[in-house]
Amino acid sequence: MHEYHIVEGVVKQILERAKSSNAKKITSVTLVLGELSGLQEESIRIYFDNLAKKNLLEGAKLIIKPAKSKLKCKDCGVIFEHEKSNFNCPKCSGLGVLTNSGKEFYIDNIEIDS
């Protein structure tokens, strides 16, 4: 349920950007969703579709690009993609620690008709 308020804020941002660009219609929106964001793609889609009714977003295609989490090796500093249940560096086998990558949720692109 916490996705509703987050998606509501994103929709408001999209509509504000579209209005400032004198858009007549929004044709598609691309969002980036990190695997560690705590947000569920299915819920985002449901809330987006609901909030897109009777405004410039109605009928817009929603594209969600996943963002994998990344780790940084404590020993050699290499940054690498996190694989399920494997925290070992592919270069030196050292222990990787989580970075902020994979926690993101943001608007990547908005396509409009003006």
PDB file of N, CA and C in Angstrom:
ATOM      1  N   MET A   1       0.817  -1.196   0.000  1.00  0.00           N
ATOM      2  CA  MET A   1       0.000   0.000   0.000  1.00  0.00           C
ATOM      3  C   MET A   1       0.868   1.270   0.000  1.00  0.00           C
ATOM      4  N   HIS A   2       2.085   1.178   0.537  1.00  0.00           N
ATOM      5  CA  HIS A   2       2.924   2.376   0.566  1.00  0.00           C
ATOM      6  C   HIS A   2       3.313   2.832  -0.835  1.00  0.00           C
ATOM      7  N   GLU A   3       3.183   1.945  -1.814  1.00  0.00           N
ATOM      8  CA  GLU A   3       3.478   2.324  -3.198  1.00  0.00           C
ATOM      9  C   GLU A   3       2.523   3.399  -3.704  1.00  0.00           C
ATOM     10  N   TYR A   4       1.284   3.410  -3.216  1.00  0.00           N
ATOM     11  CA  TYR A   4       0.298   4.359  -3.723  1.00  0.00           C
ATOM     12  C   TYR A   4       0.798   5.798  -3.609  1.00  0.00           C
ATOM     13  N   HIS A   5       1.238   6.186  -2.424  1.00  0.00           N
ATOM     14  CA  HIS A   5       1.666   7.570  -2.204  1.00  0.00           C
ATOM     15  C   HIS A   5       2.932   7.899  -2.994  1.00  0.00           C
ATOM     16  N   ILE A   6       3.798   6.923  -3.151  1.00  0.00           N
ATOM     17  CA  ILE A   6       5.017   7.132  -3.933  1.00  0.00           C
ATOM     18  C   ILE A   6       4.668   7.325  -5.408  1.00  0.00           C
ATOM     19  N   VAL A   7       3.806   6.458  -5.927  1.00  0.00           N
ATOM     20  CA  VAL A   7       3.391   6.566  -7.331  1.00  0.00           C
ATOM     21  C   VAL A   7       2.594   7.852  -7.543  1.00  0.00           C
ATOM     22  N   GLU A   8       1.782   8.230  -6.583  1.00  0.00           N
ATOM     23  CA  GLU A   8       1.028   9.479  -6.678  1.00  0.00           C
ATOM     24  C   GLU A   8       1.982  10.671  -6.843  1.00  0.00           C
ATOM     25  N   GLY A   9       3.055  10.688  -6.079  1.00  0.00           N
ATOM     26  CA  GLY A   9       4.053  11.748  -6.201  1.00  0.00           C
ATOM     27  C   GLY A   9       4.742  11.743  -7.560  1.00  0.00           C
ATOM     28  N   VAL A  10       5.043  10.562  -8.067  1.00  0.00           N
ATOM     29  CA  VAL A  10       5.676  10.438  -9.387  1.00  0.00           C
ATOM     30  C   VAL A  10       4.731  10.941 -10.470  1.00  0.00           C
ATOM     31  N   VAL A  11       3.471  10.564 -10.389  1.00  0.00           N
ATOM     32  CA  VAL A  11       2.477  11.010 -11.373  1.00  0.00           C
ATOM     33  C   VAL A  11       2.361  12.533 -11.347  1.00  0.00           C
ATOM     34  N   LYS A  12       2.355  13.129 -10.176  1.00  0.00           N
ATOM     35  CA  LYS A  12       2.293  14.594 -10.074  1.00  0.00           C
ATOM     36  C   LYS A  12       3.496  15.238 -10.758  1.00  0.00           C
ATOM     37  N   GLN A  13       4.679  14.672 -10.532  1.00  0.00           N
ATOM     38  CA  GLN A  13       5.891  15.193 -11.182  1.00  0.00           C
ATOM     39  C   GLN A  13       5.798  15.088 -12.701  1.00  0.00           C
ATOM     40  N   ILE A  14       5.316  13.951 -13.181  1.00  0.00           N
ATOM     41  CA  ILE A  14       5.186  13.734 -14.628  1.00  0.00           C
ATOM     42  C   ILE A  14       4.229  14.758 -15.225  1.00  0.00           C
ATOM     43  N   LEU A  15       3.070  14.942 -14.589  1.00  0.00           N
ATOM     44  CA  LEU A  15       2.078  15.886 -15.098  1.00  0.00           C
ATOM     45  C   LEU A  15       2.602  17.325 -15.075  1.00  0.00           C
ATOM     46  N   GLU A  16       3.345  17.682 -14.040  1.00  0.00           N
ATOM     47  CA  GLU A  16       3.927  19.027 -13.967  1.00  0.00           C
ATOM     48  C   GLU A  16       4.930  19.252 -15.100  1.00  0.00           C
ATOM     49  N   ARG A  17       5.782  18.257 -15.331  1.00  0.00           N
ATOM     50  CA  ARG A  17       6.759  18.373 -16.421  1.00  0.00           C
ATOM     51  C   ARG A  17       6.061  18.481 -17.775  1.00  0.00           C
ATOM     52  N   ALA A  18       5.018  17.682 -17.952  1.00  0.00           N
ATOM     53  CA  ALA A  18       4.282  17.694 -19.221  1.00  0.00           C
ATOM     54  C   ALA A  18       3.606  19.040 -19.443  1.00  0.00           C
ATOM     55  N   LYS A  19       2.991  19.586 -18.410  1.00  0.00           N
ATOM     56  CA  LYS A  19       2.320  20.883 -18.535  1.00  0.00           C
ATOM     57  C   LYS A  19       3.319  21.990 -18.844  1.00  0.00           C
ATOM     58  N   SER A  20       4.488  21.949 -18.217  1.00  0.00           N
ATOM     59  CA  SER A  20       5.497  22.980 -18.481  1.00  0.00           C
ATOM     60  C   SER A  20       6.070  22.867 -19.893  1.00  0.00           C
ATOM     61  N   SER A  21       5.880  21.707 -20.521  1.00  0.00           N
ATOM     62  CA  SER A  21       6.319  21.515 -21.912  1.00  0.00           C
ATOM     63  C   SER A  21       5.171  21.694 -22.898  1.00  0.00           C
ATOM     64  N   ASN A  22       4.023  22.152 -22.398  1.00  0.00           N
ATOM     65  CA  ASN A  22       2.820  22.334 -23.222  1.00  0.00           C
ATOM     66  C   ASN A  22       2.396  21.055 -23.938  1.00  0.00           C
ATOM     67  N   ALA A  23       2.489  19.936 -23.246  1.00  0.00           N
ATOM     68  CA  ALA A  23       2.113  18.647 -23.824  1.00  0.00           C
ATOM     69  C   ALA A  23       0.605  18.553 -23.994  1.00  0.00           C
ATOM     70  N   LYS A  24       0.207  17.919 -25.073  1.00  0.00           N
ATOM     71  CA  LYS A  24      -1.211  17.627 -25.285  1.00  0.00           C
ATOM     72  C   LYS A  24      -1.546  16.226 -24.794  1.00  0.00           C
ATOM     73  N   LYS A  25      -0.534  15.357 -24.808  1.00  0.00           N
ATOM     74  CA  LYS A  25      -0.718  13.968 -24.394  1.00  0.00           C
ATOM     75  C   LYS A  25       0.642  13.388 -24.016  1.00  0.00           C
ATOM     76  N   ILE A  26       0.640  12.513 -23.031  1.00  0.00           N
ATOM     77  CA  ILE A  26       1.840  11.756 -22.673  1.00  0.00           C
ATOM     78  C   ILE A  26       1.675  10.370 -23.285  1.00  0.00           C
ATOM     79  N   THR A  27       2.637   9.962 -24.100  1.00  0.00           N
ATOM     80  CA  THR A  27       2.512   8.672 -24.793  1.00  0.00           C
ATOM     81  C   THR A  27       3.193   7.532 -24.046  1.00  0.00           C
ATOM     82  N   SER A  28       4.291   7.832 -23.347  1.00  0.00           N
ATOM     83  CA  SER A  28       4.932   6.780 -22.558  1.00  0.00           C
ATOM     84  C   SER A  28       5.773   7.381 -21.442  1.00  0.00           C
ATOM     85  N   VAL A  29       5.941   6.570 -20.415  1.00  0.00           N
ATOM     86  CA  VAL A  29       6.746   6.947 -19.254  1.00  0.00           C
ATOM     87  C   VAL A  29       7.648   5.766 -18.939  1.00  0.00           C
ATOM     88  N   THR A  30       8.933   6.065 -18.725  1.00  0.00           N
ATOM     89  CA  THR A  30       9.883   5.031 -18.314  1.00  0.00           C
ATOM     90  C   THR A  30      10.345   5.335 -16.902  1.00  0.00           C
ATOM     91  N   LEU A  31      10.187   4.350 -16.026  1.00  0.00           N
ATOM     92  CA  LEU A  31      10.637   4.457 -14.642  1.00  0.00           C
ATOM     93  C   LEU A  31      11.753   3.449 -14.411  1.00  0.00           C
ATOM     94  N   VAL A  32      12.703   3.806 -13.564  1.00  0.00           N
ATOM     95  CA  VAL A  32      13.754   2.878 -13.156  1.00  0.00           C
ATOM     96  C   VAL A  32      13.406   2.403 -11.751  1.00  0.00           C
ATOM     97  N   LEU A  33      13.409   1.085 -11.576  1.00  0.00           N
ATOM     98  CA  LEU A  33      13.025   0.463 -10.308  1.00  0.00           C
ATOM     99  C   LEU A  33      14.142  -0.453  -9.825  1.00  0.00           C
ATOM    100  N   GLY A  34      14.796  -0.065  -8.738  1.00  0.00           N
ATOM    101  CA  GLY A  34      15.863  -0.878  -8.160  1.00  0.00           C
ATOM    102  C   GLY A  34      15.309  -2.095  -7.448  1.00  0.00           C
ATOM    103  N   GLU A  35      16.035  -3.191  -7.573  1.00  0.00           N
ATOM    104  CA  GLU A  35      15.561  -4.436  -6.966  1.00  0.00           C
ATOM    105  C   GLU A  35      15.529  -4.384  -5.439  1.00  0.00           C
ATOM    106  N   LEU A  36      16.236  -3.439  -4.850  1.00  0.00           N
ATOM    107  CA  LEU A  36      16.236  -3.295  -3.390  1.00  0.00           C
ATOM    108  C   LEU A  36      15.410  -2.099  -2.920  1.00  0.00           C
ATOM    109  N   SER A  37      14.593  -1.547  -3.811  1.00  0.00           N
ATOM    110  CA  SER A  37      13.807  -0.357  -3.472  1.00  0.00           C
ATOM    111  C   SER A  37      12.685  -0.654  -2.480  1.00  0.00           C
ATOM    112  N   GLY A  38      12.278  -1.905  -2.402  1.00  0.00           N
ATOM    113  CA  GLY A  38      11.165  -2.273  -1.531  1.00  0.00           C
ATOM    114  C   GLY A  38       9.809  -2.063  -2.184  1.00  0.00           C
ATOM    115  N   LEU A  39       9.814  -1.666  -3.462  1.00  0.00           N
ATOM    116  CA  LEU A  39       8.574  -1.420  -4.197  1.00  0.00           C
ATOM    117  C   LEU A  39       8.271  -2.597  -5.120  1.00  0.00           C
ATOM    118  N   GLN A  40       6.994  -2.889  -5.283  1.00  0.00           N
ATOM    119  CA  GLN A  40       6.563  -3.998  -6.124  1.00  0.00           C
ATOM    120  C   GLN A  40       6.095  -3.484  -7.480  1.00  0.00           C
ATOM    121  N   GLU A  41       6.655  -4.039  -8.537  1.00  0.00           N
ATOM    122  CA  GLU A  41       6.309  -3.587  -9.884  1.00  0.00           C
ATOM    123  C   GLU A  41       4.813  -3.700 -10.158  1.00  0.00           C
ATOM    124  N   GLU A  42       4.202  -4.782  -9.763  1.00  0.00           N
ATOM    125  CA  GLU A  42       2.770  -4.978 -10.019  1.00  0.00           C
ATOM    126  C   GLU A  42       1.931  -3.879  -9.360  1.00  0.00           C
ATOM    127  N   SER A  43       2.264  -3.526  -8.122  1.00  0.00           N
ATOM    128  CA  SER A  43       1.537  -2.462  -7.423  1.00  0.00           C
ATOM    129  C   SER A  43       1.748  -1.119  -8.106  1.00  0.00           C
ATOM    130  N   ILE A  44       2.966  -0.857  -8.536  1.00  0.00           N
ATOM    131  CA  ILE A  44       3.256   0.390  -9.239  1.00  0.00           C
ATOM    132  C   ILE A  44       2.389   0.495 -10.484  1.00  0.00           C
ATOM    133  N   ARG A  45       2.294  -0.582 -11.243  1.00  0.00           N
ATOM    134  CA  ARG A  45       1.492  -0.577 -12.472  1.00  0.00           C
ATOM    135  C   ARG A  45       0.011  -0.333 -12.185  1.00  0.00           C
ATOM    136  N   ILE A  46      -0.511  -0.984 -11.164  1.00  0.00           N
ATOM    137  CA  ILE A  46      -1.924  -0.821 -10.809  1.00  0.00           C
ATOM    138  C   ILE A  46      -2.212   0.625 -10.402  1.00  0.00           C
ATOM    139  N   TYR A  47      -1.383   1.170  -9.510  1.00  0.00           N
ATOM    140  CA  TYR A  47      -1.598   2.546  -9.042  1.00  0.00           C
ATOM    141  C   TYR A  47      -1.390   3.557 -10.159  1.00  0.00           C
ATOM    142  N   PHE A  48      -0.381   3.329 -11.010  1.00  0.00           N
ATOM    143  CA  PHE A  48      -0.134   4.223 -12.136  1.00  0.00           C
ATOM    144  C   PHE A  48      -1.361   4.264 -13.045  1.00  0.00           C
ATOM    145  N   ASP A  49      -1.882   3.093 -13.403  1.00  0.00           N
ATOM    146  CA  ASP A  49      -3.056   3.032 -14.285  1.00  0.00           C
ATOM    147  C   ASP A  49      -4.247   3.750 -13.662  1.00  0.00           C
ATOM    148  N   ASN A  50      -4.435   3.576 -12.367  1.00  0.00           N
ATOM    149  CA  ASN A  50      -5.524   4.247 -11.659  1.00  0.00           C
ATOM    150  C   ASN A  50      -5.363   5.760 -11.655  1.00  0.00           C
ATOM    151  N   LEU A  51      -4.155   6.228 -11.382  1.00  0.00           N
ATOM    152  CA  LEU A  51      -3.886   7.664 -11.290  1.00  0.00           C
ATOM    153  C   LEU A  51      -3.786   8.342 -12.655  1.00  0.00           C
ATOM    154  N   ALA A  52      -3.686   7.548 -13.711  1.00  0.00           N
ATOM    155  CA  ALA A  52      -3.544   8.088 -15.067  1.00  0.00           C
ATOM    156  C   ALA A  52      -4.892   8.338 -15.739  1.00  0.00           C
ATOM    157  N   LYS A  53      -5.964   8.098 -15.038  1.00  0.00           N
ATOM    158  CA  LYS A  53      -7.294   8.278 -15.633  1.00  0.00           C
ATOM    159  C   LYS A  53      -7.673   9.749 -15.677  1.00  0.00           C
ATOM    160  N   LYS A  54      -8.264  10.148 -16.788  1.00  0.00           N
ATOM    161  CA  LYS A  54      -8.815  11.494 -16.982  1.00  0.00           C
ATOM    162  C   LYS A  54      -7.767  12.602 -16.851  1.00  0.00           C
ATOM    163  N   ASN A  55      -6.567  12.329 -17.341  1.00  0.00           N
ATOM    164  CA  ASN A  55      -5.536  13.367 -17.405  1.00  0.00           C
ATOM    165  C   ASN A  55      -4.608  13.061 -18.587  1.00  0.00           C
ATOM    166  N   LEU A  56      -3.540  13.794 -18.731  1.00  0.00           N
ATOM    167  CA  LEU A  56      -2.630  13.629 -19.873  1.00  0.00           C
ATOM    168  C   LEU A  56      -1.974  12.254 -19.937  1.00  0.00           C
ATOM    169  N   LEU A  57      -1.997  11.531 -18.829  1.00  0.00           N
ATOM    170  CA  LEU A  57      -1.368  10.203 -18.775  1.00  0.00           C
ATOM    171  C   LEU A  57      -2.270   9.067 -19.257  1.00  0.00           C
ATOM    172  N   GLU A  58      -3.540   9.341 -19.415  1.00  0.00           N
ATOM    173  CA  GLU A  58      -4.462   8.259 -19.777  1.00  0.00           C
ATOM    174  C   GLU A  58      -4.025   7.608 -21.085  1.00  0.00           C
ATOM    175  N   GLY A  59      -3.861   6.291 -21.043  1.00  0.00           N
ATOM    176  CA  GLY A  59      -3.451   5.532 -22.218  1.00  0.00           C
ATOM    177  C   GLY A  59      -1.955   5.481 -22.444  1.00  0.00           C
ATOM    178  N   ALA A  60      -1.166   6.158 -21.608  1.00  0.00           N
ATOM    179  CA  ALA A  60       0.290   6.155 -21.765  1.00  0.00           C
ATOM    180  C   ALA A  60       0.854   4.772 -21.449  1.00  0.00           C
ATOM    181  N   LYS A  61       1.880   4.407 -22.185  1.00  0.00           N
ATOM    182  CA  LYS A  61       2.574   3.141 -21.952  1.00  0.00           C
ATOM    183  C   LYS A  61       3.540   3.332 -20.784  1.00  0.00           C
ATOM    184  N   LEU A  62       3.503   2.411 -19.822  1.00  0.00           N
ATOM    185  CA  LEU A  62       4.406   2.458 -18.680  1.00  0.00           C
ATOM    186  C   LEU A  62       5.497   1.412 -18.880  1.00  0.00           C
ATOM    187  N   ILE A  63       6.734   1.874 -18.939  1.00  0.00           N
ATOM    188  CA  ILE A  63       7.890   0.991 -19.077  1.00  0.00           C
ATOM    189  C   ILE A  63       8.658   1.047 -17.767  1.00  0.00           C
ATOM    190  N   ILE A  64       8.927  -0.112 -17.196  1.00  0.00           N
ATOM    191  CA  ILE A  64       9.697  -0.168 -15.956  1.00  0.00           C
ATOM    192  C   ILE A  64      11.000  -0.906 -16.230  1.00  0.00           C
ATOM    193  N   LYS A  65      12.117  -0.180 -16.064  1.00  0.00           N
ATOM    194  CA  LYS A  65      13.440  -0.760 -16.268  1.00  0.00           C
ATOM    195  C   LYS A  65      13.995  -1.176 -14.911  1.00  0.00           C
ATOM    196  N   PRO A  66      14.324  -2.459 -14.766  1.00  0.00           N
ATOM    197  CA  PRO A  66      14.885  -2.905 -13.487  1.00  0.00           C
ATOM    198  C   PRO A  66      16.339  -2.452 -13.324  1.00  0.00           C
ATOM    199  N   ALA A  67      16.726  -2.163 -12.090  1.00  0.00           N
ATOM    200  CA  ALA A  67      18.112  -1.806 -11.771  1.00  0.00           C
ATOM    201  C   ALA A  67      18.632  -2.806 -10.742  1.00  0.00           C
ATOM    202  N   LYS A  68      19.666  -3.517 -11.133  1.00  0.00           N
ATOM    203  CA  LYS A  68      20.259  -4.512 -10.240  1.00  0.00           C
ATOM    204  C   LYS A  68      21.050  -3.828  -9.140  1.00  0.00           C
ATOM    205  N   SER A  69      21.135  -4.499  -8.011  1.00  0.00           N
ATOM    206  CA  SER A  69      21.962  -3.979  -6.930  1.00  0.00           C
ATOM    207  C   SER A  69      23.431  -4.283  -7.233  1.00  0.00           C
ATOM    208  N   LYS A  70      24.291  -3.453  -6.690  1.00  0.00           N
ATOM    209  CA  LYS A  70      25.728  -3.633  -6.906  1.00  0.00           C
ATOM    210  C   LYS A  70      26.436  -3.662  -5.563  1.00  0.00           C
ATOM    211  N   LEU A  71      27.537  -4.390  -5.566  1.00  0.00           N
ATOM    212  CA  LEU A  71      28.370  -4.516  -4.383  1.00  0.00           C
ATOM    213  C   LEU A  71      29.742  -3.930  -4.676  1.00  0.00           C
ATOM    214  N   LYS A  72      30.431  -3.523  -3.615  1.00  0.00           N
ATOM    215  CA  LYS A  72      31.806  -3.055  -3.745  1.00  0.00           C
ATOM    216  C   LYS A  72      32.678  -3.949  -2.884  1.00  0.00           C
ATOM    217  N   CYS A  73      33.725  -4.479  -3.488  1.00  0.00           N
ATOM    218  CA  CYS A  73      34.625  -5.378  -2.769  1.00  0.00           C
ATOM    219  C   CYS A  73      35.401  -4.606  -1.710  1.00  0.00           C
ATOM    220  N   LYS A  74      35.400  -5.135  -0.487  1.00  0.00           N
ATOM    221  CA  LYS A  74      36.123  -4.496   0.611  1.00  0.00           C
ATOM    222  C   LYS A  74      37.632  -4.593   0.425  1.00  0.00           C
ATOM    223  N   ASP A  75      38.083  -5.595  -0.334  1.00  0.00           N
ATOM    224  CA  ASP A  75      39.519  -5.819  -0.491  1.00  0.00           C
ATOM    225  C   ASP A  75      40.122  -5.059  -1.669  1.00  0.00           C
ATOM    226  N   CYS A  76      39.503  -5.200  -2.854  1.00  0.00           N
ATOM    227  CA  CYS A  76      40.118  -4.600  -4.052  1.00  0.00           C
ATOM    228  C   CYS A  76      39.345  -3.409  -4.607  1.00  0.00           C
ATOM    229  N   GLY A  77      38.141  -3.137  -4.089  1.00  0.00           N
ATOM    230  CA  GLY A  77      37.382  -1.970  -4.508  1.00  0.00           C
ATOM    231  C   GLY A  77      36.571  -2.128  -5.785  1.00  0.00           C
ATOM    232  N   VAL A  78      36.587  -3.297  -6.393  1.00  0.00           N
ATOM    233  CA  VAL A  78      35.817  -3.532  -7.619  1.00  0.00           C
ATOM    234  C   VAL A  78      34.326  -3.464  -7.306  1.00  0.00           C
ATOM    235  N   ILE A  79      33.575  -2.814  -8.193  1.00  0.00           N
ATOM    236  CA  ILE A  79      32.123  -2.770  -8.062  1.00  0.00           C
ATOM    237  C   ILE A  79      31.544  -3.792  -9.031  1.00  0.00           C
ATOM    238  N   PHE A  80      30.640  -4.628  -8.530  1.00  0.00           N
ATOM    239  CA  PHE A  80      30.082  -5.704  -9.348  1.00  0.00           C
ATOM    240  C   PHE A  80      28.618  -5.931  -9.013  1.00  0.00           C
ATOM    241  N   GLU A  81      27.885  -6.529  -9.977  1.00  0.00           N
ATOM    242  CA  GLU A  81      26.465  -6.816  -9.754  1.00  0.00           C
ATOM    243  C   GLU A  81      26.305  -7.919  -8.724  1.00  0.00           C
ATOM    244  N   HIS A  82      25.332  -7.710  -7.886  1.00  0.00           N
ATOM    245  CA  HIS A  82      25.023  -8.680  -6.836  1.00  0.00           C
ATOM    246  C   HIS A  82      24.236  -9.838  -7.425  1.00  0.00           C
ATOM    247  N   GLU A  83      24.714 -11.021  -7.197  1.00  0.00           N
ATOM    248  CA  GLU A  83      23.983 -12.233  -7.579  1.00  0.00           C
ATOM    249  C   GLU A  83      23.389 -12.821  -6.304  1.00  0.00           C
ATOM    250  N   LYS A  84      22.192 -13.365  -6.431  1.00  0.00           N
ATOM    251  CA  LYS A  84      21.500 -13.922  -5.256  1.00  0.00           C
ATOM    252  C   LYS A  84      22.437 -14.814  -4.439  1.00  0.00           C
ATOM    253  N   SER A  85      22.480 -14.569  -3.170  1.00  0.00           N
ATOM    254  CA  SER A  85      23.244 -15.322  -2.162  1.00  0.00           C
ATOM    255  C   SER A  85      24.741 -15.435  -2.457  1.00  0.00           C
ATOM    256  N   ASN A  86      25.281 -14.537  -3.289  1.00  0.00           N
ATOM    257  CA  ASN A  86      26.716 -14.545  -3.538  1.00  0.00           C
ATOM    258  C   ASN A  86      27.250 -13.123  -3.368  1.00  0.00           C
ATOM    259  N   PHE A  87      28.059 -12.931  -2.341  1.00  0.00           N
ATOM    260  CA  PHE A  87      28.615 -11.616  -2.051  1.00  0.00           C
ATOM    261  C   PHE A  87      30.108 -11.551  -2.371  1.00  0.00           C
ATOM    262  N   ASN A  88      30.633 -12.579  -3.043  1.00  0.00           N
ATOM    263  CA  ASN A  88      32.061 -12.647  -3.315  1.00  0.00           C
ATOM    264  C   ASN A  88      32.437 -11.913  -4.590  1.00  0.00           C
ATOM    265  N   CYS A  89      33.531 -11.181  -4.517  1.00  0.00           N
ATOM    266  CA  CYS A  89      34.063 -10.426  -5.642  1.00  0.00           C
ATOM    267  C   CYS A  89      34.504 -11.380  -6.762  1.00  0.00           C
ATOM    268  N   PRO A  90      34.101 -11.113  -8.004  1.00  0.00           N
ATOM    269  CA  PRO A  90      34.512 -11.977  -9.110  1.00  0.00           C
ATOM    270  C   PRO A  90      36.010 -11.852  -9.436  1.00  0.00           C
ATOM    271  N   LYS A  91      36.640 -10.771  -8.960  1.00  0.00           N
ATOM    272  CA  LYS A  91      38.061 -10.555  -9.249  1.00  0.00           C
ATOM    273  C   LYS A  91      38.976 -11.222  -8.217  1.00  0.00           C
ATOM    274  N   CYS A  92      38.677 -10.988  -6.914  1.00  0.00           N
ATOM    275  CA  CYS A  92      39.601 -11.492  -5.883  1.00  0.00           C
ATOM    276  C   CYS A  92      38.936 -12.400  -4.847  1.00  0.00           C
ATOM    277  N   SER A  93      37.637 -12.630  -4.988  1.00  0.00           N
ATOM    278  CA  SER A  93      36.843 -13.450  -4.056  1.00  0.00           C
ATOM    279  C   SER A  93      36.661 -12.807  -2.679  1.00  0.00           C
ATOM    280  N   GLY A  94      37.020 -11.523  -2.552  1.00  0.00           N
ATOM    281  CA  GLY A  94      36.802 -10.805  -1.298  1.00  0.00           C
ATOM    282  C   GLY A  94      35.319 -10.558  -1.074  1.00  0.00           C
ATOM    283  N   LEU A  95      34.996 -10.111   0.103  1.00  0.00           N
ATOM    284  CA  LEU A  95      33.603  -9.869   0.468  1.00  0.00           C
ATOM    285  C   LEU A  95      33.131  -8.529  -0.085  1.00  0.00           C
ATOM    286  N   GLY A  96      31.989  -8.547  -0.765  1.00  0.00           N
ATOM    287  CA  GLY A  96      31.386  -7.327  -1.283  1.00  0.00           C
ATOM    288  C   GLY A  96      30.362  -6.774  -0.313  1.00  0.00           C
ATOM    289  N   VAL A  97      30.290  -5.449  -0.243  1.00  0.00           N
ATOM    290  CA  VAL A  97      29.292  -4.797   0.603  1.00  0.00           C
ATOM    291  C   VAL A  97      28.344  -4.004  -0.292  1.00  0.00           C
ATOM    292  N   LEU A  98      27.117  -3.852   0.154  1.00  0.00           N
ATOM    293  CA  LEU A  98      26.103  -3.163  -0.645  1.00  0.00           C
ATOM    294  C   LEU A  98      26.446  -1.697  -0.862  1.00  0.00           C
ATOM    295  N   THR A  99      26.116  -1.218  -2.047  1.00  0.00           N
ATOM    296  CA  THR A  99      26.200   0.205  -2.378  1.00  0.00           C
ATOM    297  C   THR A  99      24.769   0.727  -2.431  1.00  0.00           C
ATOM    298  N   ASN A 100      24.574   1.958  -2.834  1.00  0.00           N
ATOM    299  CA  ASN A 100      23.219   2.491  -2.978  1.00  0.00           C
ATOM    300  C   ASN A 100      22.555   2.037  -4.263  1.00  0.00           C
ATOM    301  N   SER A 101      23.297   1.436  -5.150  1.00  0.00           N
ATOM    302  CA  SER A 101      22.745   0.959  -6.407  1.00  0.00           C
ATOM    303  C   SER A 101      21.752  -0.168  -6.147  1.00  0.00           C
ATOM    304  N   GLY A 102      20.591  -0.063  -6.793  1.00  0.00           N
ATOM    305  CA  GLY A 102      19.539  -1.060  -6.600  1.00  0.00           C
ATOM    306  C   GLY A 102      18.422  -0.562  -5.703  1.00  0.00           C
ATOM    307  N   LYS A 103      18.617   0.609  -5.100  1.00  0.00           N
ATOM    308  CA  LYS A 103      17.593   1.180  -4.209  1.00  0.00           C
ATOM    309  C   LYS A 103      16.790   2.275  -4.905  1.00  0.00           C
ATOM    310  N   GLU A 104      17.135   2.570  -6.140  1.00  0.00           N
ATOM    311  CA  GLU A 104      16.540   3.704  -6.833  1.00  0.00           C
ATOM    312  C   GLU A 104      15.119   3.458  -7.325  1.00  0.00           C
ATOM    313  N   PHE A 105      14.396   4.566  -7.463  1.00  0.00           N
ATOM    314  CA  PHE A 105      13.098   4.604  -8.113  1.00  0.00           C
ATOM    315  C   PHE A 105      12.931   6.026  -8.631  1.00  0.00           C
ATOM    316  N   TYR A 106      12.988   6.186  -9.944  1.00  0.00           N
ATOM    317  CA  TYR A 106      12.905   7.527 -10.510  1.00  0.00           C
ATOM    318  C   TYR A 106      12.372   7.510 -11.936  1.00  0.00           C
ATOM    319  N   ILE A 107      12.001   8.695 -12.393  1.00  0.00           N
ATOM    320  CA  ILE A 107      11.514   8.886 -13.764  1.00  0.00           C
ATOM    321  C   ILE A 107      12.733   8.969 -14.669  1.00  0.00           C
ATOM    322  N   ASP A 108      12.796   8.089 -15.641  1.00  0.00           N
ATOM    323  CA  ASP A 108      13.919   8.059 -16.578  1.00  0.00           C
ATOM    324  C   ASP A 108      13.588   8.840 -17.857  1.00  0.00           C
ATOM    325  N   ASN A 109      12.348   8.711 -18.334  1.00  0.00           N
ATOM    326  CA  ASN A 109      11.983   9.344 -19.602  1.00  0.00           C
ATOM    327  C   ASN A 109      10.466   9.537 -19.659  1.00  0.00           C
ATOM    328  N   ILE A 110      10.076  10.643 -20.290  1.00  0.00           N
ATOM    329  CA  ILE A 110       8.667  10.932 -20.549  1.00  0.00           C
ATOM    330  C   ILE A 110       8.551  11.311 -22.021  1.00  0.00           C
ATOM    331  N   GLU A 111       7.715  10.594 -22.764  1.00  0.00           N
ATOM    332  CA  GLU A 111       7.478  10.932 -24.167  1.00  0.00           C
ATOM    333  C   GLU A 111       6.125  11.607 -24.270  1.00  0.00           C
ATOM    334  N   ILE A 112       6.112  12.752 -24.969  1.00  0.00           N
ATOM    335  CA  ILE A 112       4.889  13.543 -25.074  1.00  0.00           C
ATOM    336  C   ILE A 112       4.562  13.875 -26.528  1.00  0.00           C
ATOM    337  N   ASP A 113       3.287  14.197 -26.775  1.00  0.00           N
ATOM    338  CA  ASP A 113       2.858  14.811 -28.014  1.00  0.00           C
ATOM    339  C   ASP A 113       2.558  16.264 -27.683  1.00  0.00           C
ATOM    340  N   SER A 114       3.145  17.178 -28.449  1.00  0.00           N
ATOM    341  CA  SER A 114       2.903  18.592 -28.142  1.00  0.00           C
ATOM    342  C   SER A 114       2.172  19.298 -29.257  1.00  0.00           C
TER     343      SER A 114
END
